Amino acid sequence: MPIVNFTITKIDAARLADELTGKLSIKSDLKIVNVAEEKLNISNQTALKFTFEFVIDYEPKFGKILLGGYLLYMPGSDENDAKTVVDTWKKTKKLDTKLMEALFNATLSKCNVKALVLSQEINLPPHIRLPVVVAEKSADKSNDKKNAYIG
C-alpha cells in the first residue's frame, strides 16, 4: 500500500450535554473532501493528497468528535495515473473502488483509535464495540472440580 504519510490536522471533540435523555444513537461518517496532486520535496515525485473528514455524532445532541486531515498516496510510476485520479474526482467526486477501500481502511484504523482516546477524555461512551469478558456460569458445581486444572 503506497500511503507515504497520514496527518491529522484538525481535532474537535465536545460533550454537549451533562446527562443523556432518551436512547443514545452513535453514528460515524468518513468522507474524502478533496483530492489534489502534491509534489514531494524529497524526491520531486508527484503524490496524491486525499483530504478527509471523520465525524462521530452522539445523538440526541450528546456529543461530537471530528477529525480532519490528509493522506499522501504514491500512485504507480506513471505520472498520468495521478492526473487521471484528480480529473475524475473533479468531474464526478468519485474514486476507484480499490483505491477508496485502501484509503478508508487506513484512515479508519488511525481515526478510530484517536476517537476512542478522545471519547474517554471527555467522558463519552466508546463509538465502537469493545471486547467484554463474561464469566461462564456453571449449573453443576461438582462439574467444576472435574474440569479444574491440576498441574
Protein backbone atom coordinates (compact mmCIF):
# COMPACT_ATOMS: atom_id res chain seq x y z
CA MET A 1 0.00 0.00 0.00
CA PRO A 2 1.75 3.18 -1.14
CA ILE A 3 0.48 5.54 1.56
CA VAL A 4 3.53 7.59 2.50
CA ASN A 5 2.01 9.96 5.05
CA PHE A 6 -1.04 10.23 7.29
CA THR A 7 -1.61 13.52 9.10
CA ILE A 8 -4.42 14.71 11.35
CA THR A 9 -4.76 18.49 11.04
CA LYS A 10 -7.98 19.08 12.95
CA ILE A 11 -9.35 17.65 16.20
CA ASP A 12 -12.64 18.77 17.67
CA ALA A 13 -14.30 16.83 20.49
CA ALA A 14 -17.17 18.08 22.62
CA ARG A 15 -19.60 16.69 25.12
CA LEU A 16 -22.76 18.70 24.52
CA ALA A 17 -24.93 17.58 27.48
CA ASP A 18 -24.35 16.58 31.10
CA GLU A 19 -26.97 13.85 31.12
CA LEU A 20 -28.36 11.57 28.48
CA THR A 21 -32.07 11.89 27.84
CA GLY A 22 -33.56 9.10 25.78
CA LYS A 23 -31.80 6.43 23.78
CA LEU A 24 -28.27 7.17 22.60
CA SER A 25 -27.51 6.72 18.91
CA ILE A 26 -23.90 6.83 17.72
CA LYS A 27 -23.28 7.43 14.02
CA SER A 28 -19.96 7.79 12.26
CA ASP A 29 -19.14 9.13 8.81
CA LEU A 30 -15.93 9.21 6.81
CA LYS A 31 -15.65 11.15 3.59
CA ILE A 32 -13.00 12.33 1.20
CA VAL A 33 -13.46 16.08 0.79
CA ASN A 34 -10.71 16.84 -1.70
CA VAL A 35 -8.17 15.20 -4.00
CA ALA A 36 -5.14 17.05 -5.33
CA GLU A 37 -1.67 16.44 -6.71
CA GLU A 38 1.25 17.34 -4.47
CA LYS A 39 4.95 17.46 -5.33
CA LEU A 40 7.15 15.79 -2.74
CA ASN A 41 10.17 17.89 -1.75
CA ILE A 42 12.48 14.96 -1.15
CA SER A 43 12.12 13.05 -4.41
CA ASN A 44 10.38 15.59 -6.67
CA GLN A 45 7.75 12.93 -7.38
CA THR A 46 4.03 13.60 -7.54
CA ALA A 47 1.80 12.17 -4.83
CA LEU A 48 -1.95 12.31 -4.42
CA LYS A 49 -3.22 14.22 -1.41
CA PHE A 50 -6.57 12.94 -0.14
CA THR A 51 -8.16 15.28 2.40
CA PHE A 52 -10.63 13.52 4.71
CA GLU A 53 -13.15 14.26 7.43
CA PHE A 54 -14.19 11.71 10.06
CA VAL A 55 -17.19 12.59 12.24
CA ILE A 56 -18.84 10.75 15.13
CA ASP A 57 -22.23 12.07 16.25
CA TYR A 58 -23.75 11.07 19.58
CA GLU A 59 -27.47 11.75 19.22
CA PRO A 60 -29.65 13.30 20.54
CA LYS A 61 -27.10 16.13 20.80
CA PHE A 62 -24.98 14.40 23.45
CA GLY A 63 -21.54 14.78 21.88
CA LYS A 64 -19.49 15.06 18.71
CA ILE A 65 -15.98 14.16 17.60
CA LEU A 66 -14.49 15.49 14.37
CA LEU A 67 -11.09 14.55 12.95
CA GLY A 68 -9.77 16.09 9.76
CA GLY A 69 -6.56 15.52 7.88
CA TYR A 70 -4.97 14.06 4.80
CA LEU A 71 -3.17 11.05 3.37
CA LEU A 72 -0.39 11.20 0.82
CA TYR A 73 -0.58 8.33 -1.62
CA MET A 74 2.07 7.41 -4.17
CA PRO A 75 0.46 6.29 -7.42
CA GLY A 76 2.29 3.97 -9.81
CA SER A 77 5.30 5.18 -11.77
CA ASP A 78 3.01 6.65 -14.45
CA GLU A 79 2.51 10.39 -13.79
CA ASN A 80 -0.77 10.31 -15.76
CA ASP A 81 -2.19 7.99 -13.13
CA ALA A 82 -2.29 10.87 -10.63
CA LYS A 83 -3.76 13.26 -13.19
CA THR A 84 -6.48 10.75 -14.09
CA VAL A 85 -7.48 10.30 -10.44
CA VAL A 86 -7.62 14.06 -9.86
CA ASP A 87 -9.54 14.73 -13.10
CA THR A 88 -12.08 12.00 -12.32
CA TRP A 89 -12.51 13.41 -8.80
CA LYS A 90 -13.11 16.94 -10.11
CA LYS A 91 -15.73 15.74 -12.58
CA THR A 92 -17.60 13.08 -10.57
CA LYS A 93 -16.39 13.30 -6.93
CA LYS A 94 -15.76 9.55 -7.13
CA LEU A 95 -12.70 7.32 -6.78
CA ASP A 96 -11.79 3.85 -7.96
CA THR A 97 -13.27 1.23 -5.61
CA LYS A 98 -9.94 -0.44 -4.74
CA LEU A 99 -8.28 2.91 -4.07
CA MET A 100 -11.22 4.07 -1.95
CA GLU A 101 -11.12 0.83 0.05
CA ALA A 102 -7.41 1.23 0.79
CA LEU A 103 -7.78 4.89 1.77
CA PHE A 104 -10.80 4.25 4.01
CA ASN A 105 -9.19 1.27 5.77
CA ALA A 106 -6.01 3.24 6.51
CA THR A 107 -7.99 6.25 7.70
CA LEU A 108 -10.41 4.27 9.84
CA SER A 109 -7.61 2.35 11.56
CA LYS A 110 -5.96 5.61 12.66
CA CYS A 111 -9.10 7.69 13.34
CA ASN A 112 -10.98 5.06 15.34
CA VAL A 113 -8.09 4.75 17.79
CA LYS A 114 -7.74 8.53 18.14
CA ALA A 115 -11.52 8.99 18.55
CA LEU A 116 -11.63 6.27 21.21
CA VAL A 117 -8.99 8.09 23.26
CA LEU A 118 -10.80 11.42 22.79
CA SER A 119 -14.14 9.89 23.84
CA GLN A 120 -12.54 8.71 27.09
CA GLU A 121 -11.05 12.15 27.71
CA ILE A 122 -14.43 13.90 27.52
CA ASN A 123 -16.39 11.06 29.09
CA LEU A 124 -18.38 9.86 26.07
CA PRO A 125 -19.14 6.18 25.54
CA PRO A 126 -16.93 4.37 23.01
CA HIS A 127 -18.22 4.57 19.44
CA ILE A 128 -17.00 1.06 18.63
CA ARG A 129 -17.82 -2.16 20.42
CA LEU A 130 -15.02 -3.15 22.76
CA PRO A 131 -14.38 -6.77 23.82
CA VAL A 132 -16.06 -7.78 27.09
CA VAL A 133 -15.14 -10.68 29.35
CA VAL A 134 -18.10 -12.65 30.66
CA ALA A 135 -17.61 -15.31 33.33
CA GLU A 136 -19.20 -18.64 32.48
CA LYS A 137 -21.83 -19.75 34.98
CA SER A 138 -21.87 -23.41 35.89
CA ALA A 139 -25.16 -25.01 36.91
CA ASP A 140 -23.49 -28.07 38.44
CA LYS A 141 -20.74 -27.26 40.97
CA SER A 142 -19.50 -30.88 41.02
CA ASN A 143 -18.56 -30.49 37.36
CA ASP A 144 -16.20 -27.61 38.27
CA LYS A 145 -13.86 -29.99 40.08
CA LYS A 146 -13.70 -32.35 37.08
CA ASN A 147 -12.75 -29.50 34.74
CA ALA A 148 -10.39 -27.79 37.17
CA TYR A 149 -6.78 -27.54 36.07
CA ILE A 150 -4.41 -29.55 38.23
CA GLY A 151 -0.80 -29.01 37.37
